[in-house]
Amino acid sequence: MYAQIGKPGIKEKFEALFQQEAKKIKSVTE
């Protein structure tokens, strides 16, 4: 997984996923 981070689009994909998870967690904790 980490080896793919250098490829175009992979980082953005993980950023989007991370943000979605963060929003989920935030809505649960509030």
Protein backbone atom coordinates (compact mmCIF):
# COMPACT_ATOMS: atom_id res chain seq x y z
CA MET A 1 0.00 0.00 0.00
CA TYR A 2 2.67 2.49 0.98
CA ALA A 3 4.57 1.76 -2.23
CA GLN A 4 1.62 3.09 -4.24
CA ILE A 5 1.44 6.47 -2.50
CA GLY A 6 3.90 7.95 -5.02
CA LYS A 7 1.57 7.16 -7.93
CA PRO A 8 -0.72 9.95 -9.18
CA GLY A 9 -4.22 9.84 -7.73
CA ILE A 10 -3.43 7.30 -5.02
CA LYS A 11 -2.65 9.93 -2.40
CA GLU A 12 -5.76 11.91 -3.28
CA LYS A 13 -7.83 8.74 -2.99
CA PHE A 14 -6.51 8.04 0.49
CA GLU A 15 -7.02 11.68 1.48
CA ALA A 16 -10.68 11.46 0.43
CA LEU A 17 -11.16 8.19 2.31
CA PHE A 18 -9.48 9.60 5.40
CA GLN A 19 -11.68 12.70 5.33
CA GLN A 20 -14.81 10.56 5.00
CA GLU A 21 -13.77 8.44 7.99
CA ALA A 22 -12.91 11.56 9.99
CA LYS A 23 -16.37 13.01 9.30
CA LYS A 24 -17.99 9.73 10.36
CA ILE A 25 -16.01 9.64 13.60
CA LYS A 26 -16.73 13.31 14.26
CA SER A 27 -20.48 12.86 13.77
CA VAL A 28 -20.42 9.84 16.10
CA THR A 29 -18.49 11.60 18.87
CA GLU A 30 -20.60 14.77 18.78
